[in-house]
Structures are given as C-alpha cells and as structure tokens.
Amino acid sequence: MQQVTITAGTAGHVLFVLPSGATVKSGEALCRIQPYEQNDTIAASRSNRISKSALRSLQTALNLQARVVVIRQNKVKALKKLLDEGAATTADLTEAQEQLLSAESSADQSKAALERLAAQTSVLPQVTEASRAPFTGQVIRPLVYPGQWVSHDTPILTLLSHSQPWIEAFLSPKDIRYAHPGTPATIIFSNGQHIPGVVMSVSAEASRLPPQFSVFSSTRGNTLRIKLRLKHPLQLHDVVKDMPVKVNFQAWP
C-alpha cells in the first residue's frame, strides 16, 4: 500500500496533530505548527509588540492632552470673569481660546490614532502552517505531540493511502516461468479468504528476500519480486500493510 511519512515543512511548535486511525481527504490538514523562525511570524510578533508599545504611548499622550484641555478650559473661564471685571483684555481671552482650540484638536487627533491602532492590533492574525494530506488515507501513527518543537524536516506522522493496494510476492528464480505479466493468480489471506489477482510486473534483478518476510517463506537465496494487482476491491478493514499472504499461480505444478 502507498505509505508516506509527512514532515513538518517548517520549524516551530506543534499546535495540533491528527491521532492514529484518523481518516483524511486529499488536501486536509494533518498537523498545524506555529512557525518559529519564519519572516511573517517574526513580522507579526514584532508588529504586535510595537503596536502594544505604541498604544501605551498614545494613551499616555492622550491623558496628558486631556489634562491640558481642562487647564485651558479653566483659563478661558477665568479670563471671561476677569474681562467682565475689567481685569483682563479681549486679546487675553482670544489668545486663551485659541490655545484651548489647539489643545482640543491635538487631543482629538490622538484619540483617533489610538482607536485606529487598537483596531489594527485586535485583528493581528496568529500565523500557523498546516501540513496537508497528499492523498486520501488514514493516519497510521502520529510521530509528534502538541507543544513539541520541530524542525522543517521532522517526521510528524505516517499516512496510509486508501487507494487500491497491490501484492508483492517473492519467487525463486527457477519458478519464474509461472509468473509472467498477465498470469492469473489467487491471493490467499490468513483468514482463508481467496481473491483473484493477476501479475503486473516482474523485477529485472534478483535480490535477497527481505528479512521481515523470511519467517514466512522456505525460499532461500535470491528471489524475484513479483507485483500483482487484485481483480476485486478489498474492504478497508481487510487492508493491512505488510500483512503476509499466500500467492498461488494458476500454472503452479
């Protein structure tokens, strides 16, 4: 069966990874990572820090400007009273009113800037990267856990395809005449189930039987690798990677 190990693709901390047995469609997220050394992440983090610092500075400035406005308002009130009593001039009052207008204008501008910056800060996105399934399949096992730091090439999980599986058989070179491409065969599962198959290809060179299968075969020395396809689809629960099966060829003596 087609099986791949998916890597992180970016350095960072794992936020989420699918559990063993989860099924996914092609393109769906398998794992989400908060990037560690990535330009947009650093930019977002730096922007967030700058925005918070700017917010504090603007808020402080606005508080001071509000106090100045109050002082200017009190001065205008006092000068109006003094003008009525003949202790101040119209020029004094006009100058105080202009100073009040300037203070109010500065305070309004700071308030507007503060509101704009607060709105920008509130919508700063959290940057994440998602590793996605290259095909429809099932998670065999996750290889990382949430919170773990990973590099870009760290394996994060093993994914098994739901596409039609194939059978690999290992045949002694002396018996190659029984397994030409197109030769019918019968695949026998450990539970006794028989499913017809047909030879797709025969390897062009002989090699040693893989050690994980040597306990299931009496063949010694080099073998030829035969690839067969199933003529009928299997149920998903019958598909187990590396499960040993028997292959009987139609012309077997």
Protein backbone atom coordinates (compact mmCIF):
# COMPACT_ATOMS: atom_id res chain seq x y z
CA MET A 1 0.00 0.00 0.00
CA GLN A 2 1.14 3.54 -0.63
CA GLN A 3 2.56 4.89 2.61
CA VAL A 4 4.35 8.17 3.21
CA THR A 5 5.88 9.90 6.18
CA ILE A 6 4.82 13.55 6.29
CA THR A 7 7.38 16.08 7.52
CA ALA A 8 6.71 19.39 9.27
CA GLY A 9 7.87 21.64 6.43
CA THR A 10 8.66 24.48 8.86
CA ALA A 11 10.33 24.93 12.22
CA GLY A 12 8.11 25.70 15.18
CA HIS A 13 5.85 24.30 17.87
CA VAL A 14 3.16 21.74 17.12
CA LEU A 15 -0.33 23.07 17.87
CA PHE A 16 -2.32 20.05 16.68
CA VAL A 17 -1.71 16.67 15.06
CA LEU A 18 -4.25 14.06 13.96
CA PRO A 19 -4.45 10.90 16.09
CA SER A 20 -3.82 7.35 14.97
CA GLY A 21 -6.70 5.94 12.92
CA ALA A 22 -7.99 9.32 11.70
CA THR A 23 -9.11 9.35 8.07
CA VAL A 24 -8.48 12.36 5.85
CA LYS A 25 -9.20 13.50 2.33
CA SER A 26 -6.56 14.86 -0.01
CA GLY A 27 -5.64 18.43 0.97
CA GLU A 28 -6.94 18.26 4.53
CA ALA A 29 -4.72 19.46 7.37
CA LEU A 30 -2.76 16.75 9.18
CA CYS A 31 -0.86 18.97 11.59
CA ARG A 32 -0.72 22.65 12.48
CA ILE A 33 2.50 24.35 13.52
CA GLN A 34 3.24 27.77 14.99
CA PRO A 35 6.33 28.76 12.97
CA TYR A 36 9.42 29.67 14.97
CA GLU A 37 11.83 31.29 12.54
CA GLN A 38 9.64 32.50 9.71
CA ASN A 39 9.60 36.01 8.36
CA ASP A 40 5.86 36.57 8.57
CA THR A 41 5.74 35.14 12.11
CA ILE A 42 8.58 37.37 13.26
CA ALA A 43 6.98 40.33 11.50
CA ALA A 44 3.62 39.64 13.13
CA SER A 45 5.21 39.24 16.56
CA ARG A 46 7.30 42.38 16.14
CA SER A 47 4.28 44.28 14.85
CA ASN A 48 2.26 43.11 17.83
CA ARG A 49 4.95 44.27 20.28
CA ILE A 50 5.32 47.61 18.50
CA SER A 51 1.55 48.10 18.42
CA LYS A 52 1.20 47.45 22.15
CA SER A 53 4.05 49.84 22.92
CA ALA A 54 2.53 52.47 20.63
CA LEU A 55 -0.85 52.01 22.28
CA ARG A 56 0.64 52.71 25.71
CA SER A 57 2.48 55.77 24.41
CA LEU A 58 -0.59 57.16 22.68
CA GLN A 59 -2.74 56.54 25.74
CA THR A 60 -0.25 58.40 27.93
CA ALA A 61 -0.12 61.29 25.46
CA LEU A 62 -3.91 61.42 25.28
CA ASN A 63 -4.18 61.53 29.09
CA LEU A 64 -1.76 64.47 29.22
CA GLN A 65 -3.58 66.28 26.42
CA ALA A 66 -6.89 65.81 28.25
CA ARG A 67 -5.35 67.48 31.31
CA VAL A 68 -4.10 70.34 29.12
CA VAL A 69 -7.61 70.78 27.69
CA VAL A 70 -9.06 71.05 31.21
CA ILE A 71 -6.42 73.62 32.15
CA ARG A 72 -7.16 75.67 29.00
CA GLN A 73 -10.90 75.49 29.66
CA ASN A 74 -10.42 76.76 33.23
CA LYS A 75 -8.19 79.58 31.95
CA VAL A 76 -10.82 80.67 29.41
CA LYS A 77 -13.50 80.70 32.15
CA ALA A 78 -11.24 82.71 34.45
CA LEU A 79 -10.39 85.26 31.73
CA LYS A 80 -14.07 85.73 30.88
CA LYS A 81 -14.73 86.58 34.50
CA LEU A 82 -11.73 88.91 34.65
CA LEU A 83 -12.81 90.57 31.40
CA ASP A 84 -16.23 91.29 32.91
CA GLU A 85 -14.46 92.84 35.91
CA GLY A 86 -12.13 94.87 33.70
CA ALA A 87 -9.04 92.96 34.89
CA ALA A 88 -8.29 91.32 31.50
CA THR A 89 -8.32 92.32 27.87
CA THR A 90 -10.17 90.87 24.89
CA ALA A 91 -6.79 89.94 23.41
CA ASP A 92 -6.00 87.87 26.50
CA LEU A 93 -9.29 85.99 26.14
CA THR A 94 -8.82 85.45 22.39
CA GLU A 95 -5.34 84.03 22.94
CA ALA A 96 -6.63 81.65 25.63
CA GLN A 97 -9.49 80.48 23.39
CA GLU A 98 -7.03 79.76 20.55
CA GLN A 99 -4.85 77.76 22.93
CA LEU A 100 -7.94 75.79 24.03
CA LEU A 101 -8.89 75.02 20.43
CA SER A 102 -5.34 73.84 19.68
CA ALA A 103 -5.32 71.57 22.76
CA GLU A 104 -8.73 70.11 21.86
CA SER A 105 -7.60 69.48 18.26
CA SER A 106 -4.44 67.67 19.42
CA ALA A 107 -6.47 65.53 21.83
CA ASP A 108 -8.96 64.61 19.11
CA GLN A 109 -6.16 63.57 16.74
CA SER A 110 -4.51 61.41 19.40
CA LYS A 111 -7.84 59.79 20.25
CA ALA A 112 -8.47 58.93 16.59
CA ALA A 113 -4.94 57.49 16.19
CA LEU A 114 -5.40 55.44 19.35
CA GLU A 115 -8.69 53.97 18.07
CA ARG A 116 -7.13 53.08 14.69
CA LEU A 117 -4.13 51.39 16.27
CA ALA A 118 -6.31 49.49 18.74
CA ALA A 119 -8.42 48.16 15.85
CA GLN A 120 -5.31 47.04 13.94
CA THR A 121 -3.84 45.30 16.99
CA SER A 122 -7.05 43.39 17.69
CA VAL A 123 -7.07 41.77 14.24
CA LEU A 124 -3.42 40.69 14.07
CA PRO A 125 -3.65 37.03 12.97
CA GLN A 126 -1.89 34.13 14.62
CA VAL A 127 0.36 32.70 11.95
CA THR A 128 0.21 28.92 11.59
CA GLU A 129 1.38 26.43 8.99
CA ALA A 130 -0.55 23.29 8.08
CA SER A 131 0.89 20.05 6.72
CA ARG A 132 -1.73 18.64 4.36
CA ALA A 133 -2.56 15.14 3.14
CA PRO A 134 -1.15 14.39 -0.34
CA PHE A 135 -3.90 11.80 -0.84
CA THR A 136 -6.98 10.35 0.82
CA GLY A 137 -5.93 7.94 3.52
CA GLN A 138 -5.59 7.02 7.16
CA VAL A 139 -3.14 8.11 9.82
CA ILE A 140 -1.17 5.06 10.95
CA ARG A 141 0.62 6.82 13.77
CA PRO A 142 1.44 10.38 14.82
CA LEU A 143 5.16 10.91 15.42
CA VAL A 144 4.95 14.21 17.34
CA TYR A 145 2.78 15.65 20.09
CA PRO A 146 1.20 19.10 20.71
CA GLY A 147 3.70 21.54 22.17
CA GLN A 148 6.71 19.73 20.72
CA TRP A 149 9.29 21.84 18.89
CA VAL A 150 10.07 20.50 15.40
CA SER A 151 12.41 21.42 12.58
CA HIS A 152 11.27 21.64 8.96
CA ASP A 153 12.30 18.04 8.21
CA THR A 154 10.96 16.41 11.38
CA PRO A 155 8.60 13.47 10.58
CA ILE A 156 5.19 14.30 12.06
CA LEU A 157 3.05 11.30 11.08
CA THR A 158 2.73 8.26 8.82
CA LEU A 159 -0.13 8.28 6.31
CA LEU A 160 -1.51 5.24 4.52
CA SER A 161 -3.36 5.62 1.20
CA HIS A 162 -6.91 4.35 0.69
CA SER A 163 -6.18 3.72 -2.98
CA GLN A 164 -6.21 0.18 -4.36
CA PRO A 165 -3.41 -1.86 -2.72
CA TRP A 166 -1.12 -4.24 -4.54
CA ILE A 167 0.56 -7.51 -3.60
CA GLU A 168 4.29 -8.23 -3.63
CA ALA A 169 5.35 -11.86 -3.93
CA PHE A 170 8.88 -13.24 -3.75
CA LEU A 171 9.54 -16.14 -6.08
CA SER A 172 12.53 -18.38 -6.60
CA PRO A 173 14.19 -17.59 -9.99
CA LYS A 174 13.74 -21.23 -11.05
CA ASP A 175 9.95 -20.76 -10.90
CA ILE A 176 9.79 -17.56 -12.95
CA ARG A 177 8.01 -19.36 -15.80
CA TYR A 178 4.87 -19.43 -13.64
CA ALA A 179 4.68 -15.67 -13.15
CA HIS A 180 4.82 -13.80 -16.43
CA PRO A 181 2.94 -10.46 -16.63
CA GLY A 182 -0.75 -11.22 -17.13
CA THR A 183 -0.57 -14.61 -15.39
CA PRO A 184 -3.64 -15.23 -13.19
CA ALA A 185 -3.07 -15.86 -9.50
CA THR A 186 -5.03 -16.36 -6.30
CA ILE A 187 -4.30 -14.27 -3.22
CA ILE A 188 -4.98 -16.20 -0.01
CA PHE A 189 -5.35 -14.19 3.20
CA SER A 190 -4.57 -15.53 6.66
CA ASN A 191 -8.29 -15.84 7.41
CA GLY A 192 -8.74 -18.14 4.39
CA GLN A 193 -10.26 -15.51 2.11
CA HIS A 194 -9.41 -16.09 -1.58
CA ILE A 195 -9.27 -13.13 -4.00
CA PRO A 196 -8.25 -13.41 -7.67
CA GLY A 197 -5.28 -11.40 -8.87
CA VAL A 198 -3.05 -11.01 -11.90
CA VAL A 199 0.70 -10.47 -12.28
CA MET A 200 1.52 -6.85 -13.17
CA SER A 201 5.31 -6.98 -13.35
CA VAL A 202 8.41 -9.00 -12.51
CA SER A 203 11.60 -7.40 -11.19
CA ALA A 204 14.54 -7.26 -13.60
CA GLU A 205 17.02 -8.47 -10.99
CA ALA A 206 17.11 -11.00 -8.18
CA SER A 207 17.73 -9.95 -4.58
CA ARG A 208 17.63 -11.37 -1.10
CA LEU A 209 14.24 -11.93 0.49
CA PRO A 210 13.51 -9.05 2.89
CA PRO A 211 14.27 -10.27 6.43
CA GLN A 212 10.80 -9.38 7.76
CA PHE A 213 9.31 -11.99 5.38
CA SER A 214 11.91 -14.72 5.71
CA VAL A 215 9.99 -16.44 8.55
CA PHE A 216 7.01 -16.90 6.23
CA SER A 217 8.88 -18.46 3.32
CA SER A 218 11.02 -21.54 2.80
CA THR A 219 12.74 -19.88 -0.17
CA ARG A 220 16.49 -19.46 0.32
CA GLY A 221 18.96 -17.38 -1.63
CA ASN A 222 17.93 -14.71 -4.11
CA THR A 223 14.32 -14.15 -5.10
CA LEU A 224 12.44 -12.25 -7.78
CA ARG A 225 9.96 -9.62 -6.70
CA ILE A 226 6.55 -10.08 -8.36
CA LYS A 227 3.95 -7.32 -8.28
CA LEU A 228 0.28 -8.33 -8.56
CA ARG A 229 -2.95 -6.41 -8.62
CA LEU A 230 -6.22 -7.55 -7.11
CA LYS A 231 -9.06 -8.12 -9.57
CA HIS A 232 -11.67 -7.25 -6.91
CA PRO A 233 -11.52 -4.34 -4.45
CA LEU A 234 -10.87 -5.05 -0.79
CA GLN A 235 -12.87 -3.75 2.13
CA LEU A 236 -10.93 -1.17 4.12
CA HIS A 237 -10.79 -3.42 7.21
CA ASP A 238 -9.10 -6.14 5.09
CA VAL A 239 -6.27 -3.83 4.09
CA VAL A 240 -3.32 -4.20 6.46
CA LYS A 241 0.11 -3.05 5.33
CA ASP A 242 2.82 -5.75 5.36
CA MET A 243 0.35 -8.46 6.37
CA PRO A 244 1.79 -11.70 4.88
CA VAL A 245 -0.42 -13.54 2.37
CA LYS A 246 -0.02 -16.55 0.10
CA VAL A 247 0.00 -16.37 -3.68
CA ASN A 248 -0.92 -19.38 -5.79
CA PHE A 249 -0.29 -19.12 -9.52
CA GLN A 250 -2.72 -20.82 -11.88
CA ALA A 251 0.00 -22.87 -13.58
CA TRP A 252 1.68 -23.92 -10.32
CA PRO A 253 2.59 -27.64 -10.61
